[in-house]
Amino acid sequence: MEEREQKLQHILNNAIDPKKVWGTSFGIQYQNQTWFGSSGNLSTQNQFFIASTTKLFVTAILLHLEAQKKLSLQDPIAKYLSQDILTGLHVLNKQDYSNQITLKNLLAHTSGIPDYFQQKNKSGKSLEMDILTGQDQSWTFEKCLEISKSISPKFIPNTPGKTHYSDTNFQLLGKIIKNITSKSFVENLNEIILNPLELSNTYLYTDPSDNRPQKMYYKNKEIDIPLAMSSFGPDGGMVSTSPDLLKFITAFFTGKLFPISFLNYLEVWNKLFFPLEAGVGIQRFKLPWILNPMGTIPVIMGHSGLSGALAYYCPEKDLYIAGTVNQIAFPDTSFRLSIKLIQSALK
């Protein structure tokens, strides 16, 4: 194992790039052995923003609530949301489809609802563009809806083969969790996941004055956006460490948070961002045969985030990996590094 650990650490050391990557922190669990490593300006105990990897925690909470028979993923969202939220949520060609959307549609990004964060508005700007050009700002759930409702939906909900990644979906799921349980998203997060798993370094970032998480990088610049990070909430506002994130992804796929049989319902795949596919509340990284003729790059399932963080499980090898490269501008970097780490761990 010592030789394997040295090889893994060597991969992380070589990942440091003065133009892209200033720090890495990763953990791997394989064959009942766990390894943690870091390089550059990150340590394995440093807290970092996990961005949309947060969505995996939302999925776990919803599946836990389904196990308690407090909801069904087939339920229409109209069952849990007020009319002021539903009105105009999904209007396409002058027809309102808001009442046809289910919880499953939100989780699987098959709702067609616009993305309040990355999609451009009528003036050709997006909230993401504002943030990344230094215009840090905060927003509310109501503002997310206002932005989303001002943009035309992509397709009718549940159109076969159609997906559109939308952070608005998970803003809505956060509201639904609150309405079902009469508890905040943070309270559910703590009670269902963080406290039982003893994830003491993981939390939802809500205070802009909180300077515990490592600042992210956008290209070669450190980016400080505490107002934005405190606004994402259930669609991408969590903070963690590689040890905590590894413990979480292991619990997610081993039945510690919800019945393991539920995993079968999540594996319904649609194209998302090549080579990522969208499942129900999870993602799958799968390269086509032409790019992976020897099959040396295994299929992994989990979720990643714009911050360069990810948490994935390799079913074929029963391997778990979690960590970050802490870089916003080059989303493929964390995957390329993860593939190298996985291949080295499997040797």
Protein backbone atom coordinates (compact mmCIF):
# COMPACT_ATOMS: atom_id res chain seq x y z
CA MET A 1 0.00 0.00 0.00
CA GLU A 2 2.89 2.33 0.74
CA GLU A 3 4.07 2.24 -2.88
CA ARG A 4 0.52 2.87 -4.09
CA GLU A 5 0.20 5.83 -1.72
CA GLN A 6 3.43 7.30 -3.02
CA LYS A 7 2.18 7.02 -6.60
CA LEU A 8 -1.11 8.67 -5.70
CA GLN A 9 0.67 11.51 -3.92
CA HIS A 10 2.98 11.92 -6.90
CA ILE A 11 -0.07 12.38 -9.14
CA LEU A 12 -1.38 15.14 -6.89
CA ASN A 13 2.02 16.84 -6.73
CA ASN A 14 2.24 16.85 -10.51
CA ALA A 15 -1.26 18.30 -10.80
CA ILE A 16 -0.11 21.66 -9.45
CA ASP A 17 -0.06 24.07 -12.36
CA PRO A 18 0.73 27.80 -11.97
CA LYS A 19 -1.97 28.59 -14.55
CA LYS A 20 -4.76 26.26 -13.42
CA VAL A 21 -4.35 24.40 -10.16
CA TRP A 22 -2.93 25.84 -6.94
CA GLY A 23 -4.14 23.14 -4.60
CA THR A 24 -5.70 19.67 -4.50
CA SER A 25 -7.26 17.55 -1.78
CA PHE A 26 -8.56 14.03 -2.45
CA GLY A 27 -9.59 10.86 -0.71
CA ILE A 28 -10.03 7.32 -2.08
CA GLN A 29 -11.57 4.25 -0.50
CA TYR A 30 -10.80 0.91 -2.14
CA GLN A 31 -10.49 -2.65 -0.87
CA ASN A 32 -11.22 -1.59 2.72
CA GLN A 33 -8.33 0.84 2.63
CA THR A 34 -8.58 4.62 2.69
CA TRP A 35 -6.06 7.12 1.41
CA PHE A 36 -6.00 10.90 1.66
CA GLY A 37 -3.61 13.24 -0.08
CA SER A 38 -3.21 16.91 -0.88
CA SER A 39 -0.84 19.23 -2.70
CA GLY A 40 -0.16 22.92 -3.24
CA ASN A 41 -2.02 25.33 -1.00
CA LEU A 42 -4.58 22.78 0.23
CA SER A 43 -4.37 20.22 3.02
CA THR A 44 -6.71 17.30 3.57
CA GLN A 45 -8.27 19.21 6.47
CA ASN A 46 -8.92 22.40 4.50
CA GLN A 47 -12.59 23.18 3.98
CA PHE A 48 -13.65 24.01 0.42
CA PHE A 49 -16.81 24.87 -1.49
CA ILE A 50 -18.33 21.79 -3.09
CA ALA A 51 -20.76 23.80 -5.29
CA SER A 52 -23.24 21.55 -7.11
CA THR A 53 -22.00 18.43 -5.34
CA THR A 54 -24.44 19.85 -2.76
CA LYS A 55 -27.21 18.45 -4.98
CA LEU A 56 -26.24 14.93 -3.92
CA PHE A 57 -27.08 15.84 -0.32
CA VAL A 58 -30.50 17.09 -1.46
CA THR A 59 -31.07 13.78 -3.25
CA ALA A 60 -30.18 11.86 -0.09
CA ILE A 61 -32.59 13.92 2.02
CA LEU A 62 -35.46 13.38 -0.42
CA LEU A 63 -34.83 9.62 -0.60
CA HIS A 64 -34.70 9.49 3.19
CA LEU A 65 -38.07 11.28 3.35
CA GLU A 66 -39.47 8.89 0.76
CA ALA A 67 -38.37 5.95 2.92
CA GLN A 68 -40.37 7.57 5.74
CA LYS A 69 -43.35 7.79 3.34
CA LYS A 70 -43.45 11.57 3.65
CA LEU A 71 -43.29 11.94 -0.13
CA SER A 72 -43.01 10.08 -3.40
CA LEU A 73 -40.72 11.16 -6.22
CA GLN A 74 -43.72 10.71 -8.51
CA ASP A 75 -45.64 13.41 -6.64
CA PRO A 76 -46.44 16.60 -8.57
CA ILE A 77 -44.60 19.58 -7.11
CA ALA A 78 -47.96 21.35 -6.95
CA LYS A 79 -48.70 19.17 -3.92
CA TYR A 80 -45.98 20.96 -1.94
CA LEU A 81 -45.68 24.48 -3.38
CA SER A 82 -47.91 27.53 -3.10
CA GLN A 83 -49.71 28.94 -6.11
CA ASP A 84 -47.57 32.08 -6.24
CA ILE A 85 -44.51 29.87 -6.79
CA LEU A 86 -46.23 27.67 -9.38
CA THR A 87 -47.81 30.43 -11.45
CA GLY A 88 -45.62 31.11 -14.48
CA LEU A 89 -42.98 28.60 -13.39
CA HIS A 90 -43.13 26.72 -16.70
CA VAL A 91 -44.94 28.48 -19.53
CA LEU A 92 -44.09 27.34 -23.06
CA ASN A 93 -45.90 28.55 -26.18
CA LYS A 94 -48.47 30.27 -23.94
CA GLN A 95 -49.33 27.02 -22.16
CA ASP A 96 -48.58 26.56 -18.45
CA TYR A 97 -47.10 23.13 -17.67
CA SER A 98 -46.19 23.90 -14.05
CA ASN A 99 -48.73 21.42 -12.63
CA GLN A 100 -47.27 18.56 -14.70
CA ILE A 101 -43.83 18.73 -13.06
CA THR A 102 -42.94 16.02 -10.52
CA LEU A 103 -40.26 15.80 -7.84
CA LYS A 104 -38.49 13.29 -10.08
CA ASN A 105 -38.47 15.81 -12.94
CA LEU A 106 -36.69 18.33 -10.72
CA LEU A 107 -34.12 15.79 -9.52
CA ALA A 108 -33.46 14.47 -13.03
CA HIS A 109 -33.39 17.90 -14.74
CA THR A 110 -36.24 16.77 -16.97
CA SER A 111 -38.56 19.60 -15.91
CA GLY A 112 -37.52 21.98 -18.68
CA ILE A 113 -37.43 24.82 -16.13
CA PRO A 114 -34.84 27.50 -16.98
CA ASP A 115 -31.64 27.84 -14.95
CA TYR A 116 -31.62 31.09 -12.99
CA PHE A 117 -27.84 31.05 -12.61
CA GLN A 118 -26.20 30.14 -15.92
CA GLN A 119 -28.80 31.03 -18.54
CA LYS A 120 -28.74 34.45 -20.13
CA ASN A 121 -31.64 36.81 -19.62
CA LYS A 122 -33.22 39.04 -22.28
CA SER A 123 -30.32 41.49 -22.04
CA GLY A 124 -27.85 38.71 -22.85
CA LYS A 125 -26.32 38.50 -19.36
CA SER A 126 -26.38 35.76 -16.76
CA LEU A 127 -25.98 35.84 -13.01
CA GLU A 128 -22.95 33.57 -13.43
CA MET A 129 -21.27 36.09 -15.76
CA ASP A 130 -21.83 38.89 -13.25
CA ILE A 131 -20.36 36.85 -10.40
CA LEU A 132 -17.28 35.69 -12.29
CA THR A 133 -16.50 39.22 -13.45
CA GLY A 134 -16.29 40.43 -9.89
CA GLN A 135 -19.86 41.57 -9.25
CA ASP A 136 -20.42 39.60 -6.06
CA GLN A 137 -24.03 39.79 -4.95
CA SER A 138 -26.63 37.98 -2.89
CA TRP A 139 -30.07 36.78 -3.90
CA THR A 140 -33.13 35.13 -2.42
CA PHE A 141 -35.30 32.17 -3.40
CA GLU A 142 -37.83 34.68 -4.70
CA LYS A 143 -35.17 36.33 -6.89
CA CYS A 144 -34.21 32.93 -8.33
CA LEU A 145 -37.83 32.37 -9.32
CA GLU A 146 -38.13 35.85 -10.79
CA ILE A 147 -35.08 35.30 -13.00
CA SER A 148 -36.15 31.79 -13.99
CA LYS A 149 -39.69 32.85 -14.86
CA SER A 150 -38.34 35.59 -17.13
CA ILE A 151 -36.61 32.99 -19.33
CA SER A 152 -38.41 30.65 -21.70
CA PRO A 153 -38.41 26.94 -20.70
CA LYS A 154 -36.47 24.50 -22.86
CA PHE A 155 -39.13 21.81 -23.37
CA ILE A 156 -42.36 20.32 -22.01
CA PRO A 157 -41.74 18.51 -18.69
CA ASN A 158 -40.77 14.86 -19.01
CA THR A 159 -40.15 14.99 -22.78
CA PRO A 160 -38.37 11.66 -23.59
CA GLY A 161 -34.62 12.08 -23.98
CA LYS A 162 -34.64 15.76 -23.01
CA THR A 163 -32.66 17.21 -20.09
CA HIS A 164 -31.69 20.73 -19.16
CA TYR A 165 -29.46 21.30 -16.14
CA SER A 166 -31.15 23.89 -13.94
CA ASP A 167 -30.17 25.15 -10.52
CA THR A 168 -33.74 26.39 -10.18
CA ASN A 169 -34.84 22.75 -9.88
CA PHE A 170 -32.88 22.37 -6.65
CA GLN A 171 -33.93 25.73 -5.28
CA LEU A 172 -37.47 24.39 -5.60
CA LEU A 173 -36.51 21.08 -3.97
CA GLY A 174 -35.05 22.96 -1.02
CA LYS A 175 -38.35 24.79 -0.59
CA ILE A 176 -40.28 21.51 -0.90
CA ILE A 177 -38.14 19.84 1.78
CA LYS A 178 -38.91 22.76 4.10
CA ASN A 179 -42.63 22.65 3.37
CA ILE A 180 -42.89 18.87 3.89
CA THR A 181 -40.92 18.75 7.15
CA SER A 182 -41.68 22.21 8.59
CA LYS A 183 -37.94 22.43 9.14
CA SER A 184 -35.29 24.41 7.29
CA PHE A 185 -33.01 22.80 4.75
CA VAL A 186 -30.13 23.19 7.23
CA GLU A 187 -32.08 21.42 9.99
CA ASN A 188 -32.85 18.51 7.65
CA LEU A 189 -29.25 18.43 6.49
CA ASN A 190 -27.99 18.20 10.06
CA GLU A 191 -30.56 15.69 11.30
CA ILE A 192 -30.56 13.31 8.34
CA ILE A 193 -26.93 13.43 7.14
CA LEU A 194 -24.34 15.52 8.96
CA ASN A 195 -24.98 14.49 12.56
CA PRO A 196 -25.55 10.75 11.96
CA LEU A 197 -22.42 10.51 9.79
CA GLU A 198 -20.44 12.82 12.12
CA LEU A 199 -19.46 15.14 9.26
CA SER A 200 -18.24 17.89 11.58
CA ASN A 201 -16.42 19.84 8.85
CA THR A 202 -19.38 19.98 6.46
CA TYR A 203 -22.09 22.64 6.49
CA LEU A 204 -24.23 24.95 4.39
CA TYR A 205 -22.48 28.28 3.86
CA THR A 206 -24.90 31.03 4.92
CA ASP A 207 -22.74 33.75 6.49
CA PRO A 208 -20.77 35.99 4.07
CA SER A 209 -18.35 36.87 6.90
CA ASP A 210 -17.39 33.19 7.30
CA ASN A 211 -13.82 32.88 6.02
CA ARG A 212 -13.23 29.21 6.85
CA PRO A 213 -13.52 27.79 3.31
CA GLN A 214 -10.57 28.11 0.96
CA LYS A 215 -11.21 30.76 -1.65
CA MET A 216 -11.75 29.38 -5.14
CA TYR A 217 -9.76 30.20 -8.25
CA TYR A 218 -11.08 31.41 -11.56
CA LYS A 219 -8.23 30.85 -14.03
CA ASN A 220 -5.20 32.42 -12.34
CA LYS A 221 -7.06 34.64 -9.89
CA GLU A 222 -8.37 33.94 -6.44
CA ILE A 223 -12.07 34.75 -6.45
CA ASP A 224 -13.84 36.04 -3.35
CA ILE A 225 -17.64 35.78 -3.70
CA PRO A 226 -19.07 35.27 -0.20
CA LEU A 227 -22.40 36.95 -0.99
CA ALA A 228 -23.01 34.59 -3.89
CA MET A 229 -21.83 31.49 -2.02
CA SER A 230 -24.16 32.28 0.87
CA SER A 231 -27.09 32.51 -1.58
CA PHE A 232 -26.85 29.21 -3.46
CA GLY A 233 -28.29 27.13 -0.64
CA PRO A 234 -29.54 23.68 -1.75
CA ASP A 235 -28.36 24.07 -5.34
CA GLY A 236 -24.68 24.59 -4.52
CA GLY A 237 -23.85 26.29 -1.22
CA MET A 238 -22.19 23.61 0.87
CA VAL A 239 -18.68 23.42 2.31
CA SER A 240 -16.80 20.21 3.13
CA THR A 241 -13.41 18.48 3.29
CA SER A 242 -12.16 15.50 1.31
CA PRO A 243 -12.45 13.13 4.35
CA ASP A 244 -16.04 14.25 5.05
CA LEU A 245 -17.02 14.12 1.40
CA LEU A 246 -15.56 10.62 1.04
CA LYS A 247 -17.50 9.44 4.08
CA PHE A 248 -20.68 10.93 2.63
CA ILE A 249 -20.36 9.39 -0.84
CA THR A 250 -19.65 6.01 0.75
CA ALA A 251 -22.76 6.32 2.93
CA PHE A 252 -24.86 7.41 -0.06
CA PHE A 253 -24.10 4.26 -2.05
CA THR A 254 -24.13 1.75 0.82
CA GLY A 255 -27.62 2.28 2.22
CA LYS A 256 -26.73 4.30 5.31
CA LEU A 257 -28.97 7.25 4.41
CA PHE A 258 -31.86 5.53 2.60
CA PRO A 259 -32.70 1.97 1.47
CA ILE A 260 -30.02 0.78 -0.92
CA SER A 261 -32.73 -0.57 -3.24
CA PHE A 262 -33.66 3.06 -4.03
CA LEU A 263 -30.44 3.38 -6.03
CA ASN A 264 -32.07 1.41 -8.84
CA TYR A 265 -34.58 4.23 -9.37
CA LEU A 266 -31.81 6.80 -9.78
CA GLU A 267 -30.10 5.11 -12.72
CA VAL A 268 -32.20 6.52 -15.55
CA TRP A 269 -29.67 8.23 -17.80
CA ASN A 270 -30.02 11.14 -20.20
CA LYS A 271 -27.35 13.18 -21.97
CA LEU A 272 -26.21 16.24 -20.04
CA PHE A 273 -22.74 17.74 -20.65
CA PHE A 274 -20.51 15.30 -22.51
CA PRO A 275 -19.37 12.93 -21.10
CA LEU A 276 -21.68 13.49 -18.12
CA GLU A 277 -25.16 12.01 -18.06
CA ALA A 278 -27.99 12.99 -15.75
CA GLY A 279 -29.68 10.39 -13.60
CA VAL A 280 -32.31 11.05 -10.95
CA GLY A 281 -30.43 13.29 -8.54
CA ILE A 282 -27.05 11.87 -9.55
CA GLN A 283 -24.67 12.06 -12.50
CA ARG A 284 -22.73 9.43 -14.43
CA PHE A 285 -19.34 9.92 -16.05
CA LYS A 286 -19.06 7.47 -18.94
CA LEU A 287 -16.75 7.71 -21.92
CA PRO A 288 -17.86 6.14 -25.21
CA TRP A 289 -15.95 3.14 -26.52
CA ILE A 290 -14.16 5.18 -29.17
CA LEU A 291 -12.51 7.29 -26.44
CA ASN A 292 -12.00 4.36 -24.09
CA PRO A 293 -11.34 1.32 -26.32
CA MET A 294 -9.41 -0.59 -23.67
CA GLY A 295 -11.99 0.08 -20.99
CA THR A 296 -9.33 1.44 -18.65
CA ILE A 297 -11.46 4.42 -17.61
CA PRO A 298 -14.29 3.03 -15.49
CA VAL A 299 -17.83 4.36 -15.21
CA ILE A 300 -18.39 6.45 -12.09
CA MET A 301 -21.58 7.82 -10.48
CA GLY A 302 -22.07 10.72 -8.10
CA HIS A 303 -21.93 14.48 -8.63
CA SER A 304 -19.51 17.30 -9.34
CA GLY A 305 -19.53 21.05 -8.88
CA LEU A 306 -18.39 24.18 -10.69
CA SER A 307 -15.81 24.75 -7.94
CA GLY A 308 -13.78 21.74 -9.09
CA ALA A 309 -15.14 19.51 -6.32
CA LEU A 310 -16.60 16.05 -6.87
CA ALA A 311 -17.74 12.88 -5.12
CA TYR A 312 -18.07 9.66 -7.15
CA TYR A 313 -18.49 5.91 -6.82
CA CYS A 314 -17.15 3.28 -9.21
CA PRO A 315 -19.58 0.32 -8.99
CA GLU A 316 -17.44 -1.98 -11.10
CA LYS A 317 -14.48 -1.74 -8.72
CA ASP A 318 -16.31 -0.73 -5.53
CA LEU A 319 -14.12 2.37 -5.30
CA TYR A 320 -15.05 5.79 -3.89
CA ILE A 321 -13.32 9.09 -4.62
CA ALA A 322 -13.92 12.63 -3.40
CA GLY A 323 -12.02 15.90 -3.45
CA THR A 324 -11.35 19.14 -5.28
CA VAL A 325 -8.95 21.01 -7.54
CA ASN A 326 -10.56 24.28 -6.41
CA GLN A 327 -10.76 25.75 -9.93
CA ILE A 328 -13.88 27.16 -11.56
CA ALA A 329 -12.67 27.91 -15.09
CA PHE A 330 -11.57 24.44 -16.21
CA PRO A 331 -14.29 21.92 -15.29
CA ASP A 332 -12.53 18.95 -16.87
CA THR A 333 -9.49 19.30 -14.59
CA SER A 334 -11.01 17.51 -11.59
CA PHE A 335 -12.19 14.64 -13.79
CA ARG A 336 -8.84 14.20 -15.53
CA LEU A 337 -7.10 14.12 -12.16
CA SER A 338 -9.68 11.74 -10.69
CA ILE A 339 -9.23 9.33 -13.59
CA LYS A 340 -5.46 9.27 -13.00
CA LEU A 341 -5.99 8.65 -9.29
CA ILE A 342 -8.53 5.88 -9.88
CA GLN A 343 -6.34 4.13 -12.45
CA SER A 344 -3.36 4.30 -10.11
CA ALA A 345 -5.38 3.03 -7.15
CA LEU A 346 -6.62 0.05 -9.16
CA LYS A 347 -3.15 -1.11 -10.19
